[in-house]
């Protein structure tokens, strides 16, 4: 079962910037890249460390990064949607791997050629 954590203090989540949304998007991309590097470095035995899983919520998605199959990091960017903690606690490794594959398949389907 998975546990949920916030990002480490040395990788702060970007503050929403209403005056320059393009810069905010760049900051979010850099945040996710830095967080992924951290996860890969700190969890070398987890082949999916640094990958993102998400769940639909309202008009957006709740995003989490895999640190280990039993530990996820909340990505509180954009609308900062989250799912109920009970859902996160109930995730098994197979569920996480399935969500990663779904995200990869959708990305491949809509990839620019």
N, C-alpha and C. Protein backbone atom coordinates (compact mmCIF):
# COMPACT_ATOMS: atom_id res chain seq x y z
N UNK A 1 0.82 -1.17 0.00
CA UNK A 1 0.00 0.00 0.00
C UNK A 1 0.88 1.25 0.00
N UNK A 2 0.45 2.25 -0.69
CA UNK A 2 1.28 3.44 -0.90
C UNK A 2 1.09 4.48 0.21
N UNK A 3 2.18 5.20 0.49
CA UNK A 3 2.16 6.34 1.41
C UNK A 3 2.36 7.59 0.57
N UNK A 4 1.83 8.69 1.04
CA UNK A 4 1.88 9.94 0.30
C UNK A 4 2.77 10.95 1.02
N UNK A 5 3.62 11.63 0.24
CA UNK A 5 4.52 12.64 0.77
C UNK A 5 4.47 13.89 -0.10
N UNK A 6 4.90 15.00 0.46
CA UNK A 6 5.10 16.22 -0.31
C UNK A 6 6.51 16.21 -0.88
N UNK A 7 6.82 17.14 -1.77
CA UNK A 7 8.17 17.19 -2.33
C UNK A 7 9.19 17.56 -1.26
N UNK A 8 10.45 17.17 -1.45
CA UNK A 8 11.48 17.54 -0.47
C UNK A 8 11.66 19.06 -0.42
N UNK A 9 12.11 19.55 0.72
CA UNK A 9 12.24 21.00 0.93
C UNK A 9 13.15 21.67 -0.09
N UNK A 10 14.16 20.96 -0.57
CA UNK A 10 15.11 21.58 -1.50
C UNK A 10 14.57 21.63 -2.95
N UNK A 11 13.37 21.08 -3.17
CA UNK A 11 12.72 21.17 -4.48
C UNK A 11 11.31 21.74 -4.25
N UNK A 12 11.20 23.03 -4.05
CA UNK A 12 9.89 23.62 -3.73
C UNK A 12 8.97 23.65 -4.95
N UNK A 13 7.69 23.45 -4.68
CA UNK A 13 6.67 23.54 -5.71
C UNK A 13 6.54 25.01 -6.14
N UNK A 14 6.49 25.28 -7.44
CA UNK A 14 6.41 26.67 -7.88
C UNK A 14 5.12 27.35 -7.44
N UNK A 15 5.23 28.63 -7.15
CA UNK A 15 4.06 29.44 -6.79
C UNK A 15 3.31 29.79 -8.07
N UNK A 16 1.98 29.75 -8.01
CA UNK A 16 1.19 30.11 -9.18
C UNK A 16 1.44 31.56 -9.53
N UNK A 17 1.71 31.82 -10.80
CA UNK A 17 2.03 33.16 -11.28
C UNK A 17 0.95 33.60 -12.26
N UNK A 18 -0.03 34.33 -11.76
CA UNK A 18 -1.15 34.76 -12.59
C UNK A 18 -0.72 35.79 -13.63
N UNK A 19 0.32 36.54 -13.36
CA UNK A 19 0.74 37.60 -14.29
C UNK A 19 1.58 37.07 -15.45
N UNK A 20 2.18 35.89 -15.32
CA UNK A 20 3.00 35.32 -16.39
C UNK A 20 2.83 33.81 -16.40
N UNK A 21 1.72 33.36 -17.02
CA UNK A 21 1.40 31.94 -17.02
C UNK A 21 2.43 31.12 -17.79
N UNK A 22 3.01 31.68 -18.85
CA UNK A 22 4.03 30.95 -19.60
C UNK A 22 5.24 30.64 -18.72
N UNK A 23 5.63 31.60 -17.90
CA UNK A 23 6.75 31.36 -16.98
C UNK A 23 6.37 30.31 -15.95
N UNK A 24 5.13 30.37 -15.47
CA UNK A 24 4.66 29.37 -14.50
C UNK A 24 4.72 27.96 -15.11
N UNK A 25 4.32 27.82 -16.36
CA UNK A 25 4.40 26.51 -17.03
C UNK A 25 5.85 26.02 -17.09
N UNK A 26 6.78 26.92 -17.41
CA UNK A 26 8.19 26.55 -17.45
C UNK A 26 8.68 26.14 -16.07
N UNK A 27 8.25 26.89 -15.04
CA UNK A 27 8.64 26.57 -13.67
C UNK A 27 8.11 25.20 -13.26
N UNK A 28 6.87 24.88 -13.67
CA UNK A 28 6.28 23.57 -13.37
C UNK A 28 7.04 22.45 -14.06
N UNK A 29 7.41 22.67 -15.31
CA UNK A 29 8.19 21.66 -16.05
C UNK A 29 9.54 21.42 -15.37
N UNK A 30 10.19 22.50 -14.95
CA UNK A 30 11.49 22.38 -14.27
C UNK A 30 11.33 21.67 -12.92
N UNK A 31 10.25 21.99 -12.21
CA UNK A 31 9.96 21.35 -10.93
C UNK A 31 9.81 19.84 -11.12
N UNK A 32 9.02 19.43 -12.10
CA UNK A 32 8.82 18.00 -12.35
C UNK A 32 10.11 17.32 -12.78
N UNK A 33 10.91 18.01 -13.57
CA UNK A 33 12.20 17.45 -14.00
C UNK A 33 13.13 17.26 -12.81
N UNK A 34 13.23 18.27 -11.95
CA UNK A 34 14.09 18.19 -10.77
C UNK A 34 13.60 17.11 -9.81
N UNK A 35 12.29 17.02 -9.64
CA UNK A 35 11.72 16.02 -8.76
C UNK A 35 11.97 14.61 -9.30
N UNK A 36 11.85 14.45 -10.61
CA UNK A 36 12.11 13.14 -11.23
C UNK A 36 13.57 12.73 -11.04
N UNK A 37 14.49 13.68 -11.21
CA UNK A 37 15.91 13.38 -11.01
C UNK A 37 16.16 12.94 -9.57
N UNK A 38 15.55 13.65 -8.62
CA UNK A 38 15.68 13.31 -7.20
C UNK A 38 15.18 11.89 -6.95
N UNK A 39 14.00 11.57 -7.47
CA UNK A 39 13.42 10.25 -7.25
C UNK A 39 14.30 9.15 -7.83
N UNK A 40 14.82 9.37 -9.02
CA UNK A 40 15.68 8.37 -9.65
C UNK A 40 16.97 8.17 -8.87
N UNK A 41 17.54 9.26 -8.37
CA UNK A 41 18.79 9.17 -7.60
C UNK A 41 18.58 8.47 -6.25
N UNK A 42 17.47 8.80 -5.59
CA UNK A 42 17.22 8.29 -4.24
C UNK A 42 16.55 6.92 -4.22
N UNK A 43 15.99 6.50 -5.33
CA UNK A 43 15.32 5.19 -5.41
C UNK A 43 15.82 4.40 -6.63
N UNK A 44 17.13 4.10 -6.65
CA UNK A 44 17.69 3.45 -7.84
C UNK A 44 17.13 2.05 -8.11
N UNK A 45 16.54 1.41 -7.12
CA UNK A 45 16.01 0.05 -7.31
C UNK A 45 14.59 0.05 -7.87
N UNK A 46 13.97 1.22 -7.94
CA UNK A 46 12.61 1.30 -8.48
C UNK A 46 12.70 1.75 -9.93
N UNK A 47 12.42 0.87 -10.89
CA UNK A 47 12.56 1.24 -12.30
C UNK A 47 11.60 2.35 -12.76
N UNK A 48 10.53 2.57 -12.02
CA UNK A 48 9.56 3.60 -12.40
C UNK A 48 9.69 4.87 -11.55
N UNK A 49 10.73 4.98 -10.76
CA UNK A 49 10.95 6.19 -9.96
C UNK A 49 11.05 7.39 -10.90
N UNK A 50 10.36 8.47 -10.54
CA UNK A 50 10.38 9.68 -11.35
C UNK A 50 9.27 9.75 -12.38
N UNK A 51 8.48 8.70 -12.51
CA UNK A 51 7.37 8.73 -13.46
C UNK A 51 6.11 9.24 -12.75
N UNK A 52 5.22 9.82 -13.53
CA UNK A 52 4.01 10.44 -12.99
C UNK A 52 2.81 9.56 -13.25
N UNK A 53 1.95 9.46 -12.22
CA UNK A 53 0.64 8.85 -12.40
C UNK A 53 -0.38 9.94 -12.08
N UNK A 54 -1.58 9.82 -12.66
CA UNK A 54 -2.59 10.85 -12.42
C UNK A 54 -3.98 10.23 -12.39
N UNK A 55 -4.88 10.97 -11.78
CA UNK A 55 -6.27 10.56 -11.65
C UNK A 55 -7.14 11.74 -12.04
N UNK A 56 -8.20 11.52 -12.83
CA UNK A 56 -9.07 12.64 -13.19
C UNK A 56 -9.82 13.17 -11.97
N UNK A 57 -9.85 14.50 -11.86
CA UNK A 57 -10.59 15.18 -10.80
C UNK A 57 -11.19 16.44 -11.40
N UNK A 58 -12.49 16.62 -11.25
CA UNK A 58 -13.19 17.81 -11.75
C UNK A 58 -12.78 18.08 -13.19
N UNK A 59 -12.22 19.27 -13.46
CA UNK A 59 -11.82 19.62 -14.82
C UNK A 59 -10.32 19.45 -15.04
N UNK A 60 -9.66 18.70 -14.17
CA UNK A 60 -8.21 18.53 -14.28
C UNK A 60 -7.78 17.15 -13.85
N UNK A 61 -6.63 17.10 -13.21
CA UNK A 61 -6.10 15.82 -12.76
C UNK A 61 -5.27 16.00 -11.50
N UNK A 62 -5.28 14.98 -10.68
CA UNK A 62 -4.44 14.91 -9.50
C UNK A 62 -3.18 14.15 -9.92
N UNK A 63 -2.01 14.75 -9.71
CA UNK A 63 -0.76 14.15 -10.19
C UNK A 63 0.15 13.77 -9.02
N UNK A 64 0.77 12.60 -9.17
CA UNK A 64 1.67 12.08 -8.17
C UNK A 64 2.89 11.50 -8.88
N UNK A 65 4.07 11.66 -8.27
CA UNK A 65 5.28 11.09 -8.84
C UNK A 65 5.69 9.88 -8.02
N UNK A 66 6.13 8.84 -8.71
CA UNK A 66 6.57 7.62 -8.05
C UNK A 66 7.96 7.84 -7.46
N UNK A 67 8.07 7.65 -6.15
CA UNK A 67 9.37 7.64 -5.49
C UNK A 67 9.80 6.18 -5.35
N UNK A 68 8.92 5.41 -4.76
CA UNK A 68 9.00 3.95 -4.71
C UNK A 68 7.57 3.49 -4.96
N UNK A 69 7.36 2.22 -5.21
CA UNK A 69 6.00 1.75 -5.42
C UNK A 69 5.15 1.94 -4.17
N UNK A 70 5.79 2.03 -3.04
CA UNK A 70 5.05 2.21 -1.79
C UNK A 70 5.05 3.67 -1.32
N UNK A 71 5.69 4.56 -2.07
CA UNK A 71 5.77 5.96 -1.68
C UNK A 71 5.59 6.86 -2.90
N UNK A 72 4.61 7.75 -2.84
CA UNK A 72 4.33 8.69 -3.92
C UNK A 72 4.51 10.11 -3.41
N UNK A 73 4.88 11.01 -4.33
CA UNK A 73 5.04 12.42 -3.99
C UNK A 73 3.95 13.21 -4.71
N UNK A 74 3.22 14.01 -3.94
CA UNK A 74 2.15 14.85 -4.48
C UNK A 74 2.74 15.98 -5.31
N UNK A 75 2.20 16.19 -6.50
CA UNK A 75 2.61 17.30 -7.37
C UNK A 75 1.50 18.35 -7.30
N UNK A 76 1.71 19.37 -6.50
CA UNK A 76 0.69 20.37 -6.25
C UNK A 76 0.76 21.58 -7.17
N UNK A 77 0.88 21.34 -8.46
CA UNK A 77 0.95 22.44 -9.43
C UNK A 77 -0.42 22.68 -10.06
N UNK A 78 -0.53 23.78 -10.77
CA UNK A 78 -1.77 24.19 -11.44
C UNK A 78 -2.92 24.24 -10.43
N UNK A 79 -3.98 23.44 -10.59
CA UNK A 79 -5.10 23.48 -9.66
C UNK A 79 -4.83 22.72 -8.36
N UNK A 80 -3.73 21.98 -8.30
CA UNK A 80 -3.32 21.21 -7.11
C UNK A 80 -4.41 20.24 -6.65
N UNK A 81 -5.10 19.64 -7.61
CA UNK A 81 -6.10 18.64 -7.25
C UNK A 81 -5.43 17.44 -6.60
N UNK A 82 -6.14 16.82 -5.70
CA UNK A 82 -5.66 15.59 -5.08
C UNK A 82 -6.83 14.62 -4.94
N UNK A 83 -6.51 13.37 -4.77
CA UNK A 83 -7.54 12.37 -4.53
C UNK A 83 -7.53 12.03 -3.05
N UNK A 84 -8.56 11.36 -2.61
CA UNK A 84 -8.68 11.00 -1.21
C UNK A 84 -7.50 10.12 -0.79
N UNK A 85 -7.00 10.34 0.41
CA UNK A 85 -5.86 9.57 0.91
C UNK A 85 -6.15 8.06 0.92
N UNK A 86 -7.41 7.69 1.11
CA UNK A 86 -7.76 6.27 1.11
C UNK A 86 -7.45 5.63 -0.24
N UNK A 87 -7.64 6.37 -1.32
CA UNK A 87 -7.31 5.83 -2.64
C UNK A 87 -5.81 5.58 -2.74
N UNK A 88 -5.01 6.54 -2.29
CA UNK A 88 -3.55 6.39 -2.34
C UNK A 88 -3.11 5.21 -1.47
N UNK A 89 -3.65 5.10 -0.27
CA UNK A 89 -3.26 3.99 0.62
C UNK A 89 -3.58 2.64 0.00
N UNK A 90 -4.62 2.58 -0.82
CA UNK A 90 -5.03 1.32 -1.40
C UNK A 90 -4.29 0.91 -2.65
N UNK A 91 -3.42 1.78 -3.18
CA UNK A 91 -2.70 1.44 -4.42
C UNK A 91 -1.68 0.34 -4.18
N UNK A 92 -1.66 -0.62 -5.08
CA UNK A 92 -0.64 -1.66 -5.08
C UNK A 92 0.36 -1.37 -6.19
N UNK A 93 1.47 -2.05 -6.18
CA UNK A 93 2.48 -1.88 -7.23
C UNK A 93 1.85 -2.10 -8.60
N UNK A 94 1.03 -3.12 -8.74
CA UNK A 94 0.40 -3.43 -10.03
C UNK A 94 -0.47 -2.27 -10.50
N UNK A 95 -1.16 -1.60 -9.57
CA UNK A 95 -2.00 -0.46 -9.93
C UNK A 95 -1.15 0.70 -10.44
N UNK A 96 -0.03 0.94 -9.76
CA UNK A 96 0.86 2.04 -10.14
C UNK A 96 1.47 1.78 -11.51
N UNK A 97 1.95 0.56 -11.74
CA UNK A 97 2.53 0.21 -13.04
C UNK A 97 1.49 0.35 -14.14
N UNK A 98 0.25 -0.06 -13.87
CA UNK A 98 -0.83 0.07 -14.85
C UNK A 98 -1.09 1.53 -15.20
N UNK A 99 -1.11 2.42 -14.20
CA UNK A 99 -1.33 3.85 -14.46
C UNK A 99 -0.17 4.44 -15.27
N UNK A 100 1.06 4.00 -15.00
CA UNK A 100 2.21 4.49 -15.77
C UNK A 100 2.07 4.06 -17.22
N UNK A 101 1.73 2.81 -17.47
CA UNK A 101 1.57 2.31 -18.84
C UNK A 101 0.46 3.05 -19.56
N UNK A 102 -0.65 3.32 -18.88
CA UNK A 102 -1.75 4.07 -19.49
C UNK A 102 -1.28 5.45 -19.93
N UNK A 103 -0.55 6.13 -19.06
CA UNK A 103 -0.06 7.48 -19.37
C UNK A 103 0.92 7.44 -20.54
N UNK A 104 1.80 6.45 -20.55
CA UNK A 104 2.76 6.32 -21.66
C UNK A 104 2.05 6.02 -22.98
N UNK A 105 1.04 5.16 -22.95
CA UNK A 105 0.31 4.82 -24.17
C UNK A 105 -0.46 6.02 -24.71
N UNK A 106 -1.08 6.79 -23.84
CA UNK A 106 -1.80 7.99 -24.28
C UNK A 106 -0.82 9.01 -24.85
N UNK A 107 0.32 9.18 -24.19
CA UNK A 107 1.34 10.12 -24.70
C UNK A 107 1.83 9.69 -26.07
N UNK A 108 2.06 8.38 -26.26
CA UNK A 108 2.52 7.88 -27.55
C UNK A 108 1.45 8.07 -28.62
N UNK A 109 0.21 7.88 -28.25
CA UNK A 109 -0.89 8.01 -29.20
C UNK A 109 -0.97 9.44 -29.74
N UNK A 110 -0.74 10.41 -28.89
CA UNK A 110 -0.86 11.82 -29.30
C UNK A 110 0.49 12.50 -29.52
N UNK A 111 1.55 11.73 -29.62
CA UNK A 111 2.88 12.30 -29.84
C UNK A 111 2.96 12.98 -31.19
N UNK A 112 3.68 14.05 -31.21
CA UNK A 112 3.89 14.76 -32.49
C UNK A 112 4.85 13.96 -33.34
N UNK A 113 4.53 13.88 -34.59
CA UNK A 113 5.39 13.08 -35.49
C UNK A 113 6.11 13.97 -36.45
